[in-house]
Amino acid sequence: MDLPLIYAPEVADAKARGLPIVALESTIITHGMPYPENVEAARAVEAEVRAAGAVPATIALLDGMIHIGLTEAELEALGHAENVMKVSRADFAACLAQHRTGATTVAATMIAAHMAEIAVFATGGIGGVHRGAETSFDISADLKELARTPVTVVAAGAKAILDLPKTLEVLETEGVPVITFGQDDFPAFWSRSSGLPSPLRMDTAEEIAAAHAMRTGLGLGGGQLVANPVPSEYEIPREEMIPAIEQALTEAEAQRIAAKEVTPFLLSRIFDLTEGRSLATNIQLVLSNARLAAAIARALSQPG
């Protein structure tokens, strides 16, 4: 069957001219923050990609089609939309078949990017192994997607509310390269260091692009996770974040928050406990990831 892809004019032009493209997810618009801040943040990330020399392709599922890049009108409409599905691999096809509006998670964005032959994707933080997963089996589909879909994902590590040591263990078991950009410590989303050593370190976008190309050439399959520490001027140090995270986790357990409701609850409580600093840091780290992703995409687009 023909893939149900629709390219925004800017992305279609970039593909025709062989320009570097960076995929972006759409859950930041529908599930990350309220209107109009959601649309403003999405536009800021797209602008950052353009300023860094690449073309942004925000991905969403609309009216039975996979949209690779959104027009201004589509982005605005998505910012207002209600009852939007948060789509991962499990419900990707169902969302399309039912003509539902779907915002793509990390896993779904990787799937769509690969269909559209886009090799680089910028996000905030990936999902991972939730605390207590040894009894709940709550492990994000993002990890399996990184093992199977050949897209380089630039994130500020995994979300710090997760069990980071177990997340790194699962990524190693799945054969996913975890590359920290410019330092030896694996970052922890809002904080530059998690206290855990990074499996790999690379210091330039060109090195990361070369590793992506080598994996493709060797037929190894799967993607790469590039962990890009939040810029130091915007980080919330680990010693400040840990108490807020622990308090939010304790409250979630006391209120019996479970399954898909856990992450939104924790992020909301951490926003309150940090007096809004967590969201401000989140926006800055996404912008930083967009810049690095654009540099990697540029390096991949160079001949030879």
C-alpha atoms as a PDB file:
ATOM      1  CA  MET A   1       0.000   0.000   0.000  1.00  0.00           C
ATOM      2  CA  ASP A   2       1.030   3.613  -0.484  1.00  0.00           C
ATOM      3  CA  LEU A   3       1.977   5.194   2.811  1.00  0.00           C
ATOM      4  CA  PRO A   4      -0.588   7.788   3.966  1.00  0.00           C
ATOM      5  CA  LEU A   5       1.923  10.631   4.140  1.00  0.00           C
ATOM      6  CA  ILE A   6       1.275  14.325   3.562  1.00  0.00           C
ATOM      7  CA  TYR A   7       4.220  16.715   3.478  1.00  0.00           C
ATOM      8  CA  ALA A   8       3.910  20.354   4.447  1.00  0.00           C
ATOM      9  CA  PRO A   9       5.110  22.582   1.581  1.00  0.00           C
ATOM     10  CA  GLU A  10       8.298  23.577   3.423  1.00  0.00           C
ATOM     11  CA  VAL A  11       9.199  19.923   4.093  1.00  0.00           C
ATOM     12  CA  ALA A  12       8.307  18.796   0.558  1.00  0.00           C
ATOM     13  CA  ASP A  13      10.614  21.492  -0.817  1.00  0.00           C
ATOM     14  CA  ALA A  14      13.410  20.450   1.560  1.00  0.00           C
ATOM     15  CA  LYS A  15      13.112  16.811   0.498  1.00  0.00           C
ATOM     16  CA  ALA A  16      13.174  17.750  -3.187  1.00  0.00           C
ATOM     17  CA  ARG A  17      16.320  19.847  -2.667  1.00  0.00           C
ATOM     18  CA  GLY A  18      18.078  17.412  -0.340  1.00  0.00           C
ATOM     19  CA  LEU A  19      18.111  19.838   2.586  1.00  0.00           C
ATOM     20  CA  PRO A  20      18.594  18.634   6.180  1.00  0.00           C
ATOM     21  CA  ILE A  21      15.327  17.967   8.032  1.00  0.00           C
ATOM     22  CA  VAL A  22      14.636  17.488  11.753  1.00  0.00           C
ATOM     23  CA  ALA A  23      11.506  15.666  12.944  1.00  0.00           C
ATOM     24  CA  LEU A  24       9.617  17.085  15.932  1.00  0.00           C
ATOM     25  CA  GLU A  25       6.887  15.469  18.022  1.00  0.00           C
ATOM     26  CA  SER A  26       3.427  16.955  18.559  1.00  0.00           C
ATOM     27  CA  THR A  27       2.614  15.889  22.135  1.00  0.00           C
ATOM     28  CA  ILE A  28       4.367  19.085  23.273  1.00  0.00           C
ATOM     29  CA  ILE A  29       1.447  20.891  21.615  1.00  0.00           C
ATOM     30  CA  THR A  30      -1.453  18.757  22.838  1.00  0.00           C
ATOM     31  CA  HIS A  31      -0.281  17.343  26.167  1.00  0.00           C
ATOM     32  CA  GLY A  32       2.609  19.544  27.277  1.00  0.00           C
ATOM     33  CA  MET A  33       1.133  22.932  28.141  1.00  0.00           C
ATOM     34  CA  PRO A  34      -2.040  25.021  27.689  1.00  0.00           C
ATOM     35  CA  TYR A  35      -2.945  27.255  24.743  1.00  0.00           C
ATOM     36  CA  PRO A  36      -1.445  29.618  23.604  1.00  0.00           C
ATOM     37  CA  GLU A  37       1.829  28.686  25.320  1.00  0.00           C
ATOM     38  CA  ASN A  38       1.789  25.295  23.546  1.00  0.00           C
ATOM     39  CA  VAL A  39       1.697  26.814  20.061  1.00  0.00           C
ATOM     40  CA  GLU A  40       4.241  29.488  20.980  1.00  0.00           C
ATOM     41  CA  ALA A  41       6.641  26.810  22.272  1.00  0.00           C
ATOM     42  CA  ALA A  42       6.186  24.672  19.145  1.00  0.00           C
ATOM     43  CA  ARG A  43       6.854  27.671  16.896  1.00  0.00           C
ATOM     44  CA  ALA A  44       9.940  28.570  18.935  1.00  0.00           C
ATOM     45  CA  VAL A  45      11.359  25.055  18.499  1.00  0.00           C
ATOM     46  CA  GLU A  46      10.674  25.132  14.755  1.00  0.00           C
ATOM     47  CA  ALA A  47      12.349  28.546  14.524  1.00  0.00           C
ATOM     48  CA  GLU A  48      15.394  27.197  16.378  1.00  0.00           C
ATOM     49  CA  VAL A  49      15.751  24.374  13.847  1.00  0.00           C
ATOM     50  CA  ARG A  50      15.556  26.850  10.954  1.00  0.00           C
ATOM     51  CA  ALA A  51      18.071  29.202  12.585  1.00  0.00           C
ATOM     52  CA  ALA A  52      20.470  26.254  12.937  1.00  0.00           C
ATOM     53  CA  GLY A  53      20.323  25.492   9.209  1.00  0.00           C
ATOM     54  CA  ALA A  54      17.718  22.725   8.911  1.00  0.00           C
ATOM     55  CA  VAL A  55      14.006  22.399   8.156  1.00  0.00           C
ATOM     56  CA  PRO A  56      11.570  21.427  10.947  1.00  0.00           C
ATOM     57  CA  ALA A  57       8.960  18.705  10.408  1.00  0.00           C
ATOM     58  CA  THR A  58       6.453  18.600  13.260  1.00  0.00           C
ATOM     59  CA  ILE A  59       4.552  15.329  12.950  1.00  0.00           C
ATOM     60  CA  ALA A  60       0.883  14.616  13.739  1.00  0.00           C
ATOM     61  CA  LEU A  61      -1.911  12.276  12.627  1.00  0.00           C
ATOM     62  CA  LEU A  62      -4.843  14.167  11.112  1.00  0.00           C
ATOM     63  CA  ASP A  63      -7.892  12.846   9.221  1.00  0.00           C
ATOM     64  CA  GLY A  64      -6.374   9.461   8.479  1.00  0.00           C
ATOM     65  CA  MET A  65      -3.068  10.854   7.223  1.00  0.00           C
ATOM     66  CA  ILE A  66       0.438  11.191   8.678  1.00  0.00           C
ATOM     67  CA  HIS A  67       1.380  14.849   8.407  1.00  0.00           C
ATOM     68  CA  ILE A  68       5.109  15.403   8.038  1.00  0.00           C
ATOM     69  CA  GLY A  69       5.338  19.057   8.944  1.00  0.00           C
ATOM     70  CA  LEU A  70       2.403  21.262   9.885  1.00  0.00           C
ATOM     71  CA  THR A  71       1.244  24.489   8.270  1.00  0.00           C
ATOM     72  CA  GLU A  72       0.621  27.504  10.484  1.00  0.00           C
ATOM     73  CA  ALA A  73      -3.116  26.816  10.339  1.00  0.00           C
ATOM     74  CA  GLU A  74      -2.687  23.129  11.231  1.00  0.00           C
ATOM     75  CA  LEU A  75      -0.382  23.955  14.126  1.00  0.00           C
ATOM     76  CA  GLU A  76      -2.852  26.509  15.463  1.00  0.00           C
ATOM     77  CA  ALA A  77      -5.778  24.080  15.109  1.00  0.00           C
ATOM     78  CA  LEU A  78      -3.866  21.337  16.913  1.00  0.00           C
ATOM     79  CA  GLY A  79      -3.126  23.771  19.734  1.00  0.00           C
ATOM     80  CA  HIS A  80      -6.898  24.203  20.265  1.00  0.00           C
ATOM     81  CA  ALA A  81      -7.892  20.558  19.657  1.00  0.00           C
ATOM     82  CA  GLU A  82      -9.614  18.474  22.313  1.00  0.00           C
ATOM     83  CA  ASN A  83      -9.707  14.704  22.897  1.00  0.00           C
ATOM     84  CA  VAL A  84      -6.449  14.227  21.016  1.00  0.00           C
ATOM     85  CA  MET A  85      -4.993  10.719  21.136  1.00  0.00           C
ATOM     86  CA  LYS A  86      -1.462  10.443  22.544  1.00  0.00           C
ATOM     87  CA  VAL A  87      -0.177   7.996  19.949  1.00  0.00           C
ATOM     88  CA  SER A  88       2.526   5.361  20.303  1.00  0.00           C
ATOM     89  CA  ARG A  89       3.259   2.246  18.221  1.00  0.00           C
ATOM     90  CA  ALA A  90       0.351   0.261  19.719  1.00  0.00           C
ATOM     91  CA  ASP A  91      -2.386   2.686  18.610  1.00  0.00           C
ATOM     92  CA  PHE A  92      -0.706   4.337  15.592  1.00  0.00           C
ATOM     93  CA  ALA A  93      -2.650   2.350  12.960  1.00  0.00           C
ATOM     94  CA  ALA A  94      -5.933   2.508  14.894  1.00  0.00           C
ATOM     95  CA  CYS A  95      -5.726   6.302  15.124  1.00  0.00           C
ATOM     96  CA  LEU A  96      -5.288   6.555  11.358  1.00  0.00           C
ATOM     97  CA  ALA A  97      -7.991   3.985  10.580  1.00  0.00           C
ATOM     98  CA  GLN A  98     -10.515   5.801  12.791  1.00  0.00           C
ATOM     99  CA  HIS A  99      -9.566   9.213  11.387  1.00  0.00           C
ATOM    100  CA  ARG A 100      -8.800  10.436  14.909  1.00  0.00           C
ATOM    101  CA  THR A 101      -6.550  13.373  15.706  1.00  0.00           C
ATOM    102  CA  GLY A 102      -3.315  11.989  17.109  1.00  0.00           C
ATOM    103  CA  ALA A 103      -0.283  13.651  18.675  1.00  0.00           C
ATOM    104  CA  THR A 104       2.898  11.659  18.326  1.00  0.00           C
ATOM    105  CA  THR A 105       5.033  10.513  21.252  1.00  0.00           C
ATOM    106  CA  VAL A 106       8.748   9.750  20.878  1.00  0.00           C
ATOM    107  CA  ALA A 107       7.996   6.237  19.576  1.00  0.00           C
ATOM    108  CA  ALA A 108       5.329   7.355  17.092  1.00  0.00           C
ATOM    109  CA  THR A 109       7.441  10.270  15.853  1.00  0.00           C
ATOM    110  CA  MET A 110      10.320   7.880  15.180  1.00  0.00           C
ATOM    111  CA  ILE A 111       8.012   5.584  13.193  1.00  0.00           C
ATOM    112  CA  ALA A 112       6.666   8.437  11.059  1.00  0.00           C
ATOM    113  CA  ALA A 113      10.099  10.019  10.597  1.00  0.00           C
ATOM    114  CA  HIS A 114      11.499   6.719   9.325  1.00  0.00           C
ATOM    115  CA  MET A 115       8.576   6.351   6.889  1.00  0.00           C
ATOM    116  CA  ALA A 116       9.381   9.830   5.604  1.00  0.00           C
ATOM    117  CA  GLU A 117      13.129   9.048   5.415  1.00  0.00           C
ATOM    118  CA  ILE A 118      14.020  11.619   8.067  1.00  0.00           C
ATOM    119  CA  ALA A 119      17.012  10.435  10.097  1.00  0.00           C
ATOM    120  CA  VAL A 120      17.108  12.909  13.017  1.00  0.00           C
ATOM    121  CA  PHE A 121      14.497  13.777  15.636  1.00  0.00           C
ATOM    122  CA  ALA A 122      14.670  16.332  18.466  1.00  0.00           C
ATOM    123  CA  THR A 123      12.605  15.990  21.622  1.00  0.00           C
ATOM    124  CA  GLY A 124      12.762  16.923  25.303  1.00  0.00           C
ATOM    125  CA  GLY A 125      13.325  13.647  27.124  1.00  0.00           C
ATOM    126  CA  ILE A 126      12.559  10.044  26.287  1.00  0.00           C
ATOM    127  CA  GLY A 127      10.397   7.740  28.363  1.00  0.00           C
ATOM    128  CA  GLY A 128      11.994   4.820  30.139  1.00  0.00           C
ATOM    129  CA  VAL A 129      11.685   2.402  33.028  1.00  0.00           C
ATOM    130  CA  HIS A 130       9.330   3.728  35.680  1.00  0.00           C
ATOM    131  CA  ARG A 131      10.198   3.384  39.327  1.00  0.00           C
ATOM    132  CA  GLY A 132       8.684   0.198  40.684  1.00  0.00           C
ATOM    133  CA  ALA A 133       8.667  -1.393  37.226  1.00  0.00           C
ATOM    134  CA  GLU A 134       9.764  -4.684  38.768  1.00  0.00           C
ATOM    135  CA  THR A 135       6.163  -5.066  39.948  1.00  0.00           C
ATOM    136  CA  SER A 136       4.220  -2.782  37.582  1.00  0.00           C
ATOM    137  CA  PHE A 137       6.106  -3.691  34.366  1.00  0.00           C
ATOM    138  CA  ASP A 138       5.698  -0.009  33.402  1.00  0.00           C
ATOM    139  CA  ILE A 139       8.348   0.514  30.719  1.00  0.00           C
ATOM    140  CA  SER A 140       7.998   3.083  27.953  1.00  0.00           C
ATOM    141  CA  ALA A 141       7.613   1.940  24.351  1.00  0.00           C
ATOM    142  CA  ASP A 142      10.276   4.539  23.508  1.00  0.00           C
ATOM    143  CA  LEU A 143      13.035   2.112  24.525  1.00  0.00           C
ATOM    144  CA  LYS A 144      11.899  -0.690  22.223  1.00  0.00           C
ATOM    145  CA  GLU A 145      11.405   1.823  19.407  1.00  0.00           C
ATOM    146  CA  LEU A 146      14.978   3.023  19.765  1.00  0.00           C
ATOM    147  CA  ALA A 147      16.063  -0.602  19.354  1.00  0.00           C
ATOM    148  CA  ARG A 148      14.100  -1.167  16.142  1.00  0.00           C
ATOM    149  CA  THR A 149      13.749   2.119  14.227  1.00  0.00           C
ATOM    150  CA  PRO A 150      16.852   3.746  12.673  1.00  0.00           C
ATOM    151  CA  VAL A 151      16.411   7.339  13.798  1.00  0.00           C
ATOM    152  CA  THR A 152      18.891   9.375  15.843  1.00  0.00           C
ATOM    153  CA  VAL A 153      16.970  10.903  18.753  1.00  0.00           C
ATOM    154  CA  VAL A 154      18.347  13.988  20.496  1.00  0.00           C
ATOM    155  CA  ALA A 155      17.017  14.381  24.056  1.00  0.00           C
ATOM    156  CA  ALA A 156      18.194  15.719  27.402  1.00  0.00           C
ATOM    157  CA  GLY A 157      18.446  12.122  28.613  1.00  0.00           C
ATOM    158  CA  ALA A 158      15.457  10.284  30.032  1.00  0.00           C
ATOM    159  CA  LYS A 159      12.916  12.084  32.198  1.00  0.00           C
ATOM    160  CA  ALA A 160      14.381  12.356  35.716  1.00  0.00           C
ATOM    161  CA  ILE A 161      11.199  11.015  37.336  1.00  0.00           C
ATOM    162  CA  LEU A 162      12.132   7.573  35.947  1.00  0.00           C
ATOM    163  CA  ASP A 163      14.462   4.864  37.196  1.00  0.00           C
ATOM    164  CA  LEU A 164      17.526   6.021  35.265  1.00  0.00           C
ATOM    165  CA  PRO A 165      19.875   3.113  36.100  1.00  0.00           C
ATOM    166  CA  LYS A 166      17.268   0.584  34.914  1.00  0.00           C
ATOM    167  CA  THR A 167      16.534   2.690  31.833  1.00  0.00           C
ATOM    168  CA  LEU A 168      20.202   2.582  30.860  1.00  0.00           C
ATOM    169  CA  GLU A 169      20.289  -1.175  31.519  1.00  0.00           C
ATOM    170  CA  VAL A 170      17.330  -1.780  29.193  1.00  0.00           C
ATOM    171  CA  LEU A 171      18.874   0.394  26.483  1.00  0.00           C
ATOM    172  CA  GLU A 172      22.106  -1.599  26.747  1.00  0.00           C
ATOM    173  CA  THR A 173      20.214  -4.896  26.574  1.00  0.00           C
ATOM    174  CA  GLU A 174      18.367  -3.671  23.483  1.00  0.00           C
ATOM    175  CA  GLY A 175      21.632  -2.676  21.812  1.00  0.00           C
ATOM    176  CA  VAL A 176      20.866   1.050  21.668  1.00  0.00           C
ATOM    177  CA  PRO A 177      23.911   3.350  21.561  1.00  0.00           C
ATOM    178  CA  VAL A 178      23.602   5.979  24.299  1.00  0.00           C
ATOM    179  CA  ILE A 179      25.839   8.910  23.389  1.00  0.00           C
ATOM    180  CA  THR A 180      26.223  11.862  25.727  1.00  0.00           C
ATOM    181  CA  PHE A 181      27.204  15.060  23.957  1.00  0.00           C
ATOM    182  CA  GLY A 182      30.252  16.824  25.374  1.00  0.00           C
ATOM    183  CA  GLN A 183      30.516  15.179  28.803  1.00  0.00           C
ATOM    184  CA  ASP A 184      31.068  11.834  30.521  1.00  0.00           C
ATOM    185  CA  ASP A 185      27.991  11.910  32.812  1.00  0.00           C
ATOM    186  CA  PHE A 186      24.557  10.898  31.558  1.00  0.00           C
ATOM    187  CA  PRO A 187      22.237  13.911  31.982  1.00  0.00           C
ATOM    188  CA  ALA A 188      18.998  13.858  33.958  1.00  0.00           C
ATOM    189  CA  PHE A 189      16.667  16.096  31.955  1.00  0.00           C
ATOM    190  CA  TRP A 190      16.409  19.218  34.163  1.00  0.00           C
ATOM    191  CA  SER A 191      19.917  18.583  35.536  1.00  0.00           C
ATOM    192  CA  ARG A 192      23.162  18.234  33.624  1.00  0.00           C
ATOM    193  CA  SER A 193      24.249  15.161  35.582  1.00  0.00           C
ATOM    194  CA  SER A 194      22.429  12.083  36.829  1.00  0.00           C
ATOM    195  CA  GLY A 195      25.477  10.803  38.701  1.00  0.00           C
ATOM    196  CA  LEU A 196      25.635   7.912  36.214  1.00  0.00           C
ATOM    197  CA  PRO A 197      28.434   7.442  33.676  1.00  0.00           C
ATOM    198  CA  SER A 198      27.421   7.655  30.039  1.00  0.00           C
ATOM    199  CA  PRO A 199      28.047   4.540  27.945  1.00  0.00           C
ATOM    200  CA  LEU A 200      29.486   6.676  25.118  1.00  0.00           C
ATOM    201  CA  ARG A 201      30.670  10.241  24.655  1.00  0.00           C
ATOM    202  CA  MET A 202      30.966  12.293  21.461  1.00  0.00           C
ATOM    203  CA  ASP A 203      31.908  15.947  21.204  1.00  0.00           C
ATOM    204  CA  THR A 204      30.780  16.970  17.721  1.00  0.00           C
ATOM    205  CA  ALA A 205      27.682  16.638  15.558  1.00  0.00           C
ATOM    206  CA  GLU A 206      29.920  15.190  12.841  1.00  0.00           C
ATOM    207  CA  GLU A 207      30.960  12.285  15.081  1.00  0.00           C
ATOM    208  CA  ILE A 208      27.337  11.499  15.873  1.00  0.00           C
ATOM    209  CA  ALA A 209      26.361  11.659  12.197  1.00  0.00           C
ATOM    210  CA  ALA A 210      29.257   9.339  11.316  1.00  0.00           C
ATOM    211  CA  ALA A 211      28.100   6.829  13.930  1.00  0.00           C
ATOM    212  CA  HIS A 212      24.559   6.929  12.495  1.00  0.00           C
ATOM    213  CA  ALA A 213      25.877   6.361   8.976  1.00  0.00           C
ATOM    214  CA  MET A 214      28.131   3.522  10.166  1.00  0.00           C
ATOM    215  CA  ARG A 215      25.211   1.714  11.833  1.00  0.00           C
ATOM    216  CA  THR A 216      23.239   2.025   8.611  1.00  0.00           C
ATOM    217  CA  GLY A 217      26.134   0.755   6.541  1.00  0.00           C
ATOM    218  CA  LEU A 218      26.698  -2.218   8.837  1.00  0.00           C
ATOM    219  CA  GLY A 219      23.006  -3.115   8.802  1.00  0.00           C
ATOM    220  CA  LEU A 220      22.809  -3.053  12.588  1.00  0.00           C
ATOM    221  CA  GLY A 221      19.330  -1.518  12.646  1.00  0.00           C
ATOM    222  CA  GLY A 222      17.794   0.585  15.381  1.00  0.00           C
ATOM    223  CA  GLY A 223      18.491   4.149  16.342  1.00  0.00           C
ATOM    224  CA  GLN A 224      20.774   6.138  18.583  1.00  0.00           C
ATOM    225  CA  LEU A 225      19.971   8.108  21.722  1.00  0.00           C
ATOM    226  CA  VAL A 226      21.951  11.331  21.918  1.00  0.00           C
ATOM    227  CA  ALA A 227      21.802  12.742  25.446  1.00  0.00           C
ATOM    228  CA  ASN A 228      22.364  16.498  25.261  1.00  0.00           C
ATOM    229  CA  PRO A 229      22.811  18.137  28.690  1.00  0.00           C
ATOM    230  CA  VAL A 230      20.638  21.179  29.306  1.00  0.00           C
ATOM    231  CA  PRO A 231      22.674  24.417  28.990  1.00  0.00           C
ATOM    232  CA  SER A 232      24.255  25.159  32.370  1.00  0.00           C
ATOM    233  CA  GLU A 233      22.580  28.559  32.733  1.00  0.00           C
ATOM    234  CA  TYR A 234      19.139  26.923  32.625  1.00  0.00           C
ATOM    235  CA  GLU A 235      19.686  23.736  34.624  1.00  0.00           C
ATOM    236  CA  ILE A 236      18.119  22.955  37.976  1.00  0.00           C
ATOM    237  CA  PRO A 237      20.909  21.176  39.874  1.00  0.00           C
ATOM    238  CA  ARG A 238      20.368  17.561  40.844  1.00  0.00           C
ATOM    239  CA  GLU A 239      20.488  18.310  44.571  1.00  0.00           C
ATOM    240  CA  GLU A 240      17.513  20.675  44.112  1.00  0.00           C
ATOM    241  CA  MET A 241      15.519  18.383  41.827  1.00  0.00           C
ATOM    242  CA  ILE A 242      15.778  15.169  43.842  1.00  0.00           C
ATOM    243  CA  PRO A 243      13.679  16.423  46.819  1.00  0.00           C
ATOM    244  CA  ALA A 244      10.971  17.749  44.458  1.00  0.00           C
ATOM    245  CA  ILE A 245      10.866  14.477  42.521  1.00  0.00           C
ATOM    246  CA  GLU A 246      10.747  12.377  45.689  1.00  0.00           C
ATOM    247  CA  GLN A 247       7.919  14.488  47.140  1.00  0.00           C
ATOM    248  CA  ALA A 248       5.913  14.209  43.921  1.00  0.00           C
ATOM    249  CA  LEU A 249       6.445  10.426  43.828  1.00  0.00           C
ATOM    250  CA  THR A 250       5.312  10.094  47.446  1.00  0.00           C
ATOM    251  CA  GLU A 251       2.150  12.096  46.717  1.00  0.00           C
ATOM    252  CA  ALA A 252       1.405  10.018  43.622  1.00  0.00           C
ATOM    253  CA  GLU A 253       1.664   6.807  45.624  1.00  0.00           C
ATOM    254  CA  ALA A 254      -0.512   8.184  48.430  1.00  0.00           C
ATOM    255  CA  GLN A 255      -3.188   9.209  45.911  1.00  0.00           C
ATOM    256  CA  ARG A 256      -2.874   5.879  44.058  1.00  0.00           C
ATOM    257  CA  ILE A 257      -2.061   7.570  40.773  1.00  0.00           C
ATOM    258  CA  ALA A 258      -1.241   4.820  38.285  1.00  0.00           C
ATOM    259  CA  ALA A 259      -0.544   3.885  34.656  1.00  0.00           C
ATOM    260  CA  LYS A 260      -0.700   6.705  32.082  1.00  0.00           C
ATOM    261  CA  GLU A 261      -1.740   9.242  34.722  1.00  0.00           C
ATOM    262  CA  VAL A 262       1.578   8.996  36.604  1.00  0.00           C
ATOM    263  CA  THR A 263       3.798  11.110  34.355  1.00  0.00           C
ATOM    264  CA  PRO A 264       1.347  14.045  33.887  1.00  0.00           C
ATOM    265  CA  PHE A 265       0.719  14.122  37.657  1.00  0.00           C
ATOM    266  CA  LEU A 266       4.424  14.093  38.502  1.00  0.00           C
ATOM    267  CA  LEU A 267       5.306  16.793  35.983  1.00  0.00           C
ATOM    268  CA  SER A 268       2.473  18.989  37.231  1.00  0.00           C
ATOM    269  CA  ARG A 269       3.511  18.613  40.881  1.00  0.00           C
ATOM    270  CA  ILE A 270       7.176  19.233  40.051  1.00  0.00           C
ATOM    271  CA  PHE A 271       6.125  22.409  38.214  1.00  0.00           C
ATOM    272  CA  ASP A 272       4.395  23.574  41.404  1.00  0.00           C
ATOM    273  CA  LEU A 273       7.230  22.512  43.708  1.00  0.00           C
ATOM    274  CA  THR A 274       9.854  24.316  41.606  1.00  0.00           C
ATOM    275  CA  GLU A 275       7.625  27.389  41.221  1.00  0.00           C
ATOM    276  CA  GLY A 276       7.521  26.987  37.457  1.00  0.00           C
ATOM    277  CA  ARG A 277      11.264  26.593  36.940  1.00  0.00           C
ATOM    278  CA  SER A 278      10.871  23.026  35.670  1.00  0.00           C
ATOM    279  CA  LEU A 279       8.781  24.165  32.682  1.00  0.00           C
ATOM    280  CA  ALA A 280      11.129  27.038  31.845  1.00  0.00           C
ATOM    281  CA  THR A 281      14.066  24.602  31.915  1.00  0.00           C
ATOM    282  CA  ASN A 282      12.084  22.117  29.815  1.00  0.00           C
ATOM    283  CA  ILE A 283      11.550  24.696  27.070  1.00  0.00           C
ATOM    284  CA  GLN A 284      15.221  25.680  27.037  1.00  0.00           C
ATOM    285  CA  LEU A 285      16.457  22.097  26.825  1.00  0.00           C
ATOM    286  CA  VAL A 286      14.136  21.381  23.885  1.00  0.00           C
ATOM    287  CA  LEU A 287      15.542  24.444  22.079  1.00  0.00           C
ATOM    288  CA  SER A 288      19.085  23.230  22.775  1.00  0.00           C
ATOM    289  CA  ASN A 289      18.203  19.759  21.476  1.00  0.00           C
ATOM    290  CA  ALA A 290      16.731  21.299  18.323  1.00  0.00           C
ATOM    291  CA  ARG A 291      20.010  23.112  17.653  1.00  0.00           C
ATOM    292  CA  LEU A 292      22.098  19.954  18.080  1.00  0.00           C
ATOM    293  CA  ALA A 293      19.678  17.865  16.000  1.00  0.00           C
ATOM    294  CA  ALA A 294      19.911  20.415  13.178  1.00  0.00           C
ATOM    295  CA  ALA A 295      23.706  20.224  13.287  1.00  0.00           C
ATOM    296  CA  ILE A 296      23.572  16.413  13.080  1.00  0.00           C
ATOM    297  CA  ALA A 297      21.083  16.564  10.190  1.00  0.00           C
ATOM    298  CA  ARG A 298      23.368  19.021   8.368  1.00  0.00           C
ATOM    299  CA  ALA A 299      26.341  16.700   8.858  1.00  0.00           C
ATOM    300  CA  LEU A 300      24.337  13.726   7.535  1.00  0.00           C
ATOM    301  CA  SER A 301      23.271  15.683   4.452  1.00  0.00           C
ATOM    302  CA  GLN A 302      26.845  16.456   3.433  1.00  0.00           C
ATOM    303  CA  PRO A 303      28.084  14.329   0.497  1.00  0.00           C
ATOM    304  CA  GLY A 304      30.622  11.645   1.449  1.00  0.00           C
END
